[in-house]
Amino acid sequence: MDQLPVTDRTKLRRHPERARFDRAALDAVLDQGLVVHVGFAAEGGQPFVIPTTYVRLDRTMYLHGAVASRMLRAGDDGIELCATVTLLDGLVLARSAFSHSMNYRSAVIVGRARLVGDPAEKVRVLAALVDRLIPGRMATARPPSPHELKQTAVLALPLEEASVKVRTGPPVDAEADLGWPAWAGVIPLAMVGGAPQPVAGAVGAPPARTLAGPTVAAAVAEGSPVERRFGDWVLSDDRSRLDLARVTGWLAASYWSPGIPRATVEQAARHSSLVAGAYADDGTQVGHLRVVSDCTRFANIMDVYVAESQRRRGLGRALVRFALDHPAHRSIARWQLGTRDAHGVYEHEGFRALGFPERFMERVMAAEWENRVGPP
């Protein structure tokens, strides 16, 4: 795994257990975020924090703005910058006011930015910035004129000194507060897009996708695929992309369903509320997950699998988070899953051992492959 160096400026002092220093975690936050807050000290030492948009290209974050911007002038002078991107995933309501919190993923980058002077690099970055937010937009929008390029400055901030902090899961109440008569739990949050609003004289159709794929409203209303970028992969619920032959090979070699036939895999997919895949840029499927749910109160995660060559890069957790955040699952109150050896992966997403196991029962039907391995 590609690890970020831990420096005195990036070492977490509060809740260090929430720190992530793998580059895949950093890339995932930056690729999903929309706004970065950039802190710098201007003339006279006066601190400022400016919100702006950005694009990540490999190991560099690019910022843009007017050439007269104080932030961009500061960067040109070689003043150190601190950039922060935060994704808010939920409100965490505890029984005590003191223990209320939020579920979030945040990235902090510190470093010295350089002013992009090469015209070709500047054009490439600005095009990538537009296409990142609305894929394919530069193919239809008028490109910037030479005068507009002169009015625009671009800064390149290396992604070499950074940290990621993640909080997931339910509230953590003190034992003395567990009997307090107040509702406790998590209220999931997600950024959603509304219906496009054309201006007078607009021609053609509006963009079908934005940074996070189609808007949630469009995905739910029209059955459009929901997609999300995570590092080097695209996570998608588009069943037409599934490589069921590959998935069958994975599951048939797993400890929980050895020898499972393709017909059974296909039937399970048909009757699942969600079947998600992770795909490389060439379209090859490298991960799989499905959910069995009534899409109102209960959901069970099953058949989570990541190709051997892609493991230990956070992809399994990303697939689970994709399922938890999926618009079809907004009202789910109880999630369950079975695992033999991946407890740590799921604990990061708030899963725990059954709180009241005496309340649960099961009925396991005899089957040849179940008898060989037992429950997962």
Protein backbone atom coordinates (compact mmCIF):
# COMPACT_ATOMS: atom_id res chain seq x y z
CA MET A 1 0.00 0.00 0.00
CA ASP A 2 1.27 3.49 -0.92
CA GLN A 3 1.65 5.25 2.43
CA LEU A 4 1.88 8.98 3.12
CA PRO A 5 4.70 10.10 5.43
CA VAL A 6 3.66 11.04 8.97
CA THR A 7 5.14 14.43 9.79
CA ASP A 8 4.83 16.75 12.75
CA ARG A 9 2.33 18.79 10.74
CA THR A 10 0.13 15.85 9.74
CA LYS A 11 0.26 13.69 12.87
CA LEU A 12 -3.18 13.58 14.51
CA ARG A 13 -3.22 14.59 18.16
CA ARG A 14 -6.94 14.18 18.83
CA HIS A 15 -8.50 10.78 18.05
CA PRO A 16 -5.38 9.43 16.35
CA GLU A 17 -7.22 6.13 15.84
CA ARG A 18 -9.24 7.87 13.12
CA ALA A 19 -6.15 8.73 11.08
CA ARG A 20 -5.53 7.29 7.64
CA PHE A 21 -2.18 7.70 5.93
CA ASP A 22 -2.69 5.55 2.83
CA ARG A 23 -2.79 7.41 -0.46
CA ALA A 24 -5.92 5.55 -1.59
CA ALA A 25 -7.88 7.09 1.31
CA LEU A 26 -6.60 10.56 0.42
CA ASP A 27 -7.46 10.15 -3.26
CA ALA A 28 -10.95 8.89 -2.39
CA VAL A 29 -11.78 11.99 -0.32
CA LEU A 30 -10.37 14.41 -2.88
CA ASP A 31 -12.07 12.69 -5.82
CA GLN A 32 -15.48 12.86 -4.14
CA GLY A 33 -15.19 16.37 -2.71
CA LEU A 34 -16.27 19.53 -4.48
CA VAL A 35 -14.88 22.40 -2.42
CA VAL A 36 -11.50 22.90 -0.79
CA HIS A 37 -10.83 25.51 1.90
CA VAL A 38 -7.33 26.94 1.50
CA GLY A 39 -5.61 28.69 4.38
CA PHE A 40 -2.68 31.06 3.94
CA ALA A 41 -1.09 34.12 5.53
CA ALA A 42 -1.25 37.25 3.38
CA GLU A 43 0.71 40.46 3.66
CA GLY A 44 1.38 41.41 7.24
CA GLY A 45 0.69 37.90 8.46
CA GLN A 46 -3.09 38.24 8.29
CA PRO A 47 -4.55 34.71 7.96
CA PHE A 48 -7.27 33.98 5.39
CA VAL A 49 -9.22 30.85 4.48
CA ILE A 50 -10.70 30.86 0.97
CA PRO A 51 -13.14 28.27 -0.44
CA THR A 52 -12.62 27.23 -4.05
CA THR A 53 -12.92 24.22 -6.31
CA TYR A 54 -10.06 22.03 -7.44
CA VAL A 55 -9.01 18.97 -9.40
CA ARG A 56 -6.64 16.16 -8.46
CA LEU A 57 -4.36 14.91 -11.20
CA ASP A 58 -2.22 12.03 -9.99
CA ARG A 59 -0.30 13.37 -6.97
CA THR A 60 -1.07 17.07 -7.38
CA MET A 61 -4.02 19.22 -6.35
CA TYR A 62 -4.64 22.12 -8.73
CA LEU A 63 -6.39 25.32 -7.60
CA HIS A 64 -7.51 28.11 -9.86
CA GLY A 65 -8.76 31.67 -9.63
CA ALA A 66 -8.24 35.21 -10.81
CA VAL A 67 -4.64 36.40 -11.16
CA ALA A 68 -5.47 39.19 -8.67
CA SER A 69 -6.53 36.70 -5.97
CA ARG A 70 -4.61 37.14 -2.73
CA MET A 71 -4.44 33.39 -2.31
CA LEU A 72 -2.91 32.86 -5.74
CA ARG A 73 -0.47 35.72 -5.25
CA ALA A 74 0.53 34.18 -1.94
CA GLY A 75 1.11 30.87 -3.64
CA ASP A 76 3.18 32.53 -6.33
CA ASP A 77 5.36 34.02 -3.58
CA GLY A 78 6.00 30.54 -2.26
CA ILE A 79 4.00 30.91 0.95
CA GLU A 80 2.95 27.63 2.53
CA LEU A 81 -0.69 26.66 2.03
CA CYS A 82 -3.00 24.41 4.03
CA ALA A 83 -5.89 22.86 2.07
CA THR A 84 -8.83 21.00 3.64
CA VAL A 85 -11.59 18.94 2.02
CA THR A 86 -14.42 17.54 4.17
CA LEU A 87 -17.21 15.10 3.32
CA LEU A 88 -20.08 15.03 5.82
CA ASP A 89 -21.71 11.58 5.98
CA GLY A 90 -24.07 11.87 8.92
CA LEU A 91 -25.21 13.47 12.17
CA VAL A 92 -24.48 11.29 15.21
CA LEU A 93 -27.06 11.78 17.96
CA ALA A 94 -26.06 10.47 21.36
CA ARG A 95 -28.10 10.30 24.57
CA SER A 96 -25.92 13.01 26.13
CA ALA A 97 -25.35 16.36 24.45
CA PHE A 98 -21.61 16.04 25.11
CA SER A 99 -21.32 12.85 23.04
CA HIS A 100 -23.04 14.17 19.89
CA SER A 101 -20.80 14.00 16.85
CA MET A 102 -20.68 13.72 13.06
CA ASN A 103 -19.61 11.00 10.69
CA TYR A 104 -17.18 12.48 8.20
CA ARG A 105 -14.12 12.00 6.03
CA SER A 106 -11.64 14.84 5.84
CA ALA A 107 -8.26 15.45 4.24
CA VAL A 108 -5.68 18.07 5.21
CA ILE A 109 -2.82 18.88 2.86
CA VAL A 110 0.08 21.19 3.69
CA GLY A 111 2.84 22.27 1.36
CA ARG A 112 4.31 24.94 -0.87
CA ALA A 113 2.37 25.53 -4.07
CA ARG A 114 3.89 26.56 -7.38
CA LEU A 115 2.33 28.83 -9.96
CA VAL A 116 1.64 26.97 -13.20
CA GLY A 117 3.38 28.94 -15.92
CA ASP A 118 3.33 26.52 -18.83
CA PRO A 119 0.33 27.43 -21.04
CA ALA A 120 -0.20 23.83 -22.15
CA GLU A 121 -0.29 22.58 -18.56
CA LYS A 122 -2.70 25.36 -17.61
CA VAL A 123 -5.09 24.49 -20.44
CA ARG A 124 -4.92 20.80 -19.53
CA VAL A 125 -5.67 21.51 -15.87
CA LEU A 126 -8.59 23.86 -16.55
CA ALA A 127 -10.14 21.35 -18.93
CA ALA A 128 -9.76 18.60 -16.34
CA LEU A 129 -11.37 20.83 -13.73
CA VAL A 130 -14.49 21.32 -15.85
CA ASP A 131 -14.72 17.69 -16.99
CA ARG A 132 -14.28 16.46 -13.42
CA LEU A 133 -17.46 18.20 -12.34
CA ILE A 134 -19.42 17.48 -15.52
CA PRO A 135 -17.80 14.66 -17.52
CA GLY A 136 -17.56 15.50 -21.22
CA ARG A 137 -18.48 19.17 -20.74
CA MET A 138 -15.36 20.52 -22.45
CA ALA A 139 -16.47 18.81 -25.66
CA THR A 140 -19.47 21.16 -25.86
CA ALA A 141 -18.42 24.32 -23.98
CA ARG A 142 -16.45 27.11 -25.66
CA PRO A 143 -12.77 26.74 -24.72
CA PRO A 144 -11.08 29.64 -22.88
CA SER A 145 -9.72 32.45 -25.01
CA PRO A 146 -6.11 33.66 -24.74
CA HIS A 147 -7.37 36.73 -22.82
CA GLU A 148 -9.29 34.53 -20.37
CA LEU A 149 -6.24 32.34 -19.82
CA LYS A 150 -4.18 35.42 -18.96
CA GLN A 151 -6.80 36.38 -16.37
CA THR A 152 -6.71 32.94 -14.77
CA ALA A 153 -4.00 31.68 -12.46
CA VAL A 154 -3.47 28.01 -11.53
CA LEU A 155 -1.57 26.72 -8.52
CA ALA A 156 -0.15 23.22 -8.15
CA LEU A 157 -0.05 21.87 -4.59
CA PRO A 158 1.85 18.55 -4.23
CA LEU A 159 0.00 15.81 -2.37
CA GLU A 160 3.02 14.64 -0.42
CA GLU A 161 2.34 15.90 3.12
CA ALA A 162 -1.24 15.09 4.05
CA SER A 163 -3.47 13.16 6.43
CA VAL A 164 -7.00 11.78 6.31
CA LYS A 165 -9.34 11.55 9.30
CA VAL A 166 -12.48 9.40 9.31
CA ARG A 167 -15.30 9.04 11.82
CA THR A 168 -17.92 6.35 11.18
CA GLY A 169 -20.46 4.39 13.14
CA PRO A 170 -22.99 4.97 15.91
CA PRO A 171 -22.75 7.32 18.91
CA VAL A 172 -20.50 6.37 21.81
CA ASP A 173 -22.40 7.07 25.01
CA ALA A 174 -20.99 6.66 28.48
CA GLU A 175 -22.36 3.61 30.23
CA ALA A 176 -24.09 5.84 32.76
CA ASP A 177 -26.08 7.49 29.93
CA LEU A 178 -27.37 4.32 28.26
CA GLY A 179 -30.61 4.47 30.23
CA TRP A 180 -31.31 8.13 29.40
CA PRO A 181 -34.71 8.34 27.63
CA ALA A 182 -33.57 10.03 24.41
CA TRP A 183 -33.38 8.68 20.85
CA ALA A 184 -29.83 7.85 19.77
CA GLY A 185 -28.52 6.90 16.37
CA VAL A 186 -27.20 8.23 13.07
CA ILE A 187 -28.96 10.47 10.55
CA PRO A 188 -27.22 9.85 7.19
CA LEU A 189 -26.46 12.89 5.05
CA ALA A 190 -25.60 13.08 1.37
CA MET A 191 -25.27 15.80 -1.25
CA VAL A 192 -28.03 15.46 -3.82
CA GLY A 193 -28.67 17.22 -7.09
CA GLY A 194 -32.03 18.47 -8.24
CA ALA A 195 -33.53 18.59 -11.70
CA PRO A 196 -31.49 20.68 -14.19
CA GLN A 197 -32.83 24.23 -14.64
CA PRO A 198 -32.14 25.49 -18.19
CA VAL A 199 -31.76 29.17 -18.98
CA ALA A 200 -33.71 30.84 -21.75
CA GLY A 201 -32.34 29.90 -25.14
CA ALA A 202 -30.50 26.77 -23.95
CA VAL A 203 -30.16 24.13 -26.66
CA GLY A 204 -29.79 20.38 -26.43
CA ALA A 205 -30.17 18.15 -23.39
CA PRO A 206 -28.64 18.87 -19.96
CA PRO A 207 -25.67 16.78 -18.78
CA ALA A 208 -26.69 13.28 -17.74
CA ARG A 209 -23.95 13.00 -15.11
CA THR A 210 -21.99 15.13 -12.67
CA LEU A 211 -19.09 14.36 -10.34
CA ALA A 212 -21.04 11.73 -8.35
CA GLY A 213 -22.79 10.23 -11.37
CA PRO A 214 -26.45 11.06 -12.04
CA THR A 215 -28.30 13.06 -9.44
CA VAL A 216 -29.99 11.02 -6.77
CA ALA A 217 -33.34 12.34 -7.89
CA ALA A 218 -32.72 11.22 -11.46
CA ALA A 219 -31.30 7.88 -10.40
CA VAL A 220 -34.31 7.05 -8.28
CA ALA A 221 -36.92 8.41 -10.67
CA GLU A 222 -35.47 7.09 -13.92
CA GLY A 223 -33.58 4.03 -12.75
CA SER A 224 -30.29 5.53 -13.93
CA PRO A 225 -27.09 3.92 -12.63
CA VAL A 226 -25.59 5.40 -9.48
CA GLU A 227 -21.83 5.69 -9.74
CA ARG A 228 -19.01 7.03 -7.61
CA ARG A 229 -15.31 7.43 -8.23
CA PHE A 230 -12.95 5.88 -5.67
CA GLY A 231 -9.25 6.17 -6.40
CA ASP A 232 -8.45 4.16 -9.52
CA TRP A 233 -11.91 2.60 -9.76
CA VAL A 234 -15.55 3.39 -10.48
CA LEU A 235 -18.18 1.94 -8.14
CA SER A 236 -21.48 1.33 -9.91
CA ASP A 237 -24.86 -0.33 -9.42
CA ASP A 238 -25.29 -0.73 -13.19
CA ARG A 239 -26.13 -4.43 -13.54
CA SER A 240 -25.39 -4.37 -17.25
CA ARG A 241 -21.70 -3.95 -16.37
CA LEU A 242 -21.52 -7.07 -14.19
CA ASP A 243 -19.14 -9.80 -15.31
CA LEU A 244 -21.07 -12.68 -13.77
CA ALA A 245 -18.62 -15.26 -15.07
CA ARG A 246 -15.83 -13.53 -13.16
CA VAL A 247 -18.02 -13.09 -10.08
CA THR A 248 -18.96 -16.77 -10.15
CA GLY A 249 -15.28 -17.71 -10.25
CA TRP A 250 -14.59 -15.55 -7.21
CA LEU A 251 -17.50 -16.84 -5.15
CA ALA A 252 -16.99 -20.47 -6.15
CA ALA A 253 -13.45 -20.23 -4.73
CA SER A 254 -14.53 -18.46 -1.53
CA TYR A 255 -14.90 -20.07 1.88
CA TRP A 256 -18.59 -19.15 2.17
CA SER A 257 -19.90 -20.52 -1.14
CA PRO A 258 -17.39 -22.98 -2.64
CA GLY A 259 -18.47 -24.46 -5.92
CA ILE A 260 -21.52 -22.23 -6.28
CA PRO A 261 -22.85 -22.51 -9.87
CA ARG A 262 -23.35 -19.54 -12.14
CA ALA A 263 -27.11 -20.10 -12.31
CA THR A 264 -27.31 -19.58 -8.54
CA VAL A 265 -25.17 -16.43 -8.73
CA GLU A 266 -27.47 -15.03 -11.43
CA GLN A 267 -30.59 -15.87 -9.44
CA ALA A 268 -29.13 -14.22 -6.32
CA ALA A 269 -28.34 -11.08 -8.33
CA ARG A 270 -31.88 -10.91 -9.75
CA HIS A 271 -33.44 -11.05 -6.30
CA SER A 272 -31.05 -8.63 -4.56
CA SER A 273 -32.00 -5.00 -3.98
CA LEU A 274 -28.48 -3.88 -4.96
CA VAL A 275 -25.64 -5.50 -6.86
CA ALA A 276 -22.59 -3.25 -6.95
CA GLY A 277 -19.35 -3.66 -8.82
CA ALA A 278 -15.96 -1.96 -8.77
CA TYR A 279 -14.43 -1.41 -12.20
CA ALA A 280 -11.01 -0.43 -13.49
CA ASP A 281 -10.79 2.26 -16.15
CA ASP A 282 -10.69 -0.40 -18.88
CA GLY A 283 -14.04 -1.77 -17.64
CA THR A 284 -12.64 -4.87 -15.94
CA GLN A 285 -14.61 -5.79 -12.83
CA VAL A 286 -12.35 -5.98 -9.77
CA GLY A 287 -14.88 -6.01 -6.91
CA HIS A 288 -18.39 -7.20 -6.06
CA LEU A 289 -21.04 -6.73 -3.38
CA ARG A 290 -24.76 -7.35 -3.13
CA VAL A 291 -27.47 -6.34 -0.67
CA VAL A 292 -30.67 -8.17 0.21
CA SER A 293 -33.14 -5.65 1.62
CA ASP A 294 -36.73 -4.48 1.85
CA CYS A 295 -35.32 -0.95 1.26
CA THR A 296 -37.27 0.35 4.26
CA ARG A 297 -36.00 -1.12 7.53
CA PHE A 298 -33.56 -4.02 7.04
CA ALA A 299 -30.61 -4.88 4.82
CA ASN A 300 -28.05 -7.69 4.71
CA ILE A 301 -24.70 -7.26 2.94
CA MET A 302 -23.46 -10.38 1.15
CA ASP A 303 -20.77 -11.64 -1.21
CA VAL A 304 -18.25 -8.85 -0.71
CA TYR A 305 -15.22 -9.73 -2.82
CA VAL A 306 -12.18 -7.80 -4.07
CA ALA A 307 -9.78 -9.24 -6.64
CA GLU A 308 -6.51 -10.34 -5.06
CA SER A 309 -4.43 -7.82 -7.03
CA GLN A 310 -6.55 -4.90 -5.79
CA ARG A 311 -6.66 -5.70 -2.07
CA ARG A 312 -5.30 -3.66 0.84
CA ARG A 313 -6.16 -0.39 -0.91
CA GLY A 314 -9.49 0.34 0.77
CA LEU A 315 -11.68 -0.95 -2.05
CA GLY A 316 -13.67 -3.37 0.13
CA ARG A 317 -14.57 -0.60 2.56
CA ALA A 318 -15.45 1.67 -0.34
CA LEU A 319 -17.90 -0.91 -1.69
CA VAL A 320 -19.53 -1.22 1.74
CA ARG A 321 -19.77 2.57 2.06
CA PHE A 322 -21.28 2.72 -1.44
CA ALA A 323 -24.01 0.29 -0.31
CA LEU A 324 -24.65 2.14 2.96
CA ASP A 325 -24.94 5.50 1.19
CA HIS A 326 -26.97 4.26 -1.77
CA PRO A 327 -30.19 6.27 -2.33
CA ALA A 328 -32.27 3.09 -2.19
CA HIS A 329 -31.12 2.57 1.39
CA ARG A 330 -31.78 5.99 2.93
CA SER A 331 -34.26 4.69 5.52
CA ILE A 332 -32.52 1.44 6.52
CA ALA A 333 -32.33 1.20 10.30
CA ARG A 334 -30.68 -2.22 10.71
CA TRP A 335 -27.79 -3.58 8.68
CA GLN A 336 -26.34 -7.05 9.12
CA LEU A 337 -23.66 -9.20 7.54
CA GLY A 338 -21.66 -12.35 8.18
CA THR A 339 -17.88 -12.64 8.13
CA ARG A 340 -15.19 -15.04 9.31
CA ASP A 341 -12.07 -12.93 9.07
CA ALA A 342 -12.86 -9.34 7.98
CA HIS A 343 -14.26 -7.91 11.21
CA GLY A 344 -11.82 -5.00 11.17
CA VAL A 345 -12.98 -3.88 7.73
CA TYR A 346 -16.61 -3.71 8.77
CA GLU A 347 -15.96 -2.20 12.20
CA HIS A 348 -14.62 0.87 10.40
CA GLU A 349 -18.10 1.32 8.93
CA GLY A 350 -19.89 0.98 12.27
CA PHE A 351 -20.65 -2.76 12.34
CA ARG A 352 -20.45 -4.48 15.73
CA ALA A 353 -21.24 -7.90 17.17
CA LEU A 354 -24.95 -8.40 17.84
CA GLY A 355 -26.00 -6.30 20.79
CA PHE A 356 -28.79 -8.69 21.80
CA PRO A 357 -27.96 -12.09 20.27
CA GLU A 358 -30.64 -13.74 22.37
CA ARG A 359 -33.27 -11.94 20.30
CA PHE A 360 -32.13 -13.47 17.00
CA MET A 361 -32.81 -16.90 15.57
CA GLU A 362 -31.85 -18.61 12.34
CA ARG A 363 -32.95 -21.56 10.23
CA VAL A 364 -30.20 -22.94 7.99
CA MET A 365 -31.31 -25.33 5.25
CA ALA A 366 -29.04 -28.23 4.40
CA ALA A 367 -27.04 -27.81 1.23
CA GLU A 368 -23.89 -29.54 0.12
CA TRP A 369 -21.71 -26.45 0.02
CA GLU A 370 -23.19 -25.04 3.22
CA ASN A 371 -22.47 -28.30 5.06
CA ARG A 372 -18.83 -28.15 4.02
CA VAL A 373 -18.10 -24.67 5.32
CA GLY A 374 -20.85 -23.78 7.79
CA PRO A 375 -22.09 -20.20 8.22
CA PRO A 376 -19.78 -17.40 7.07
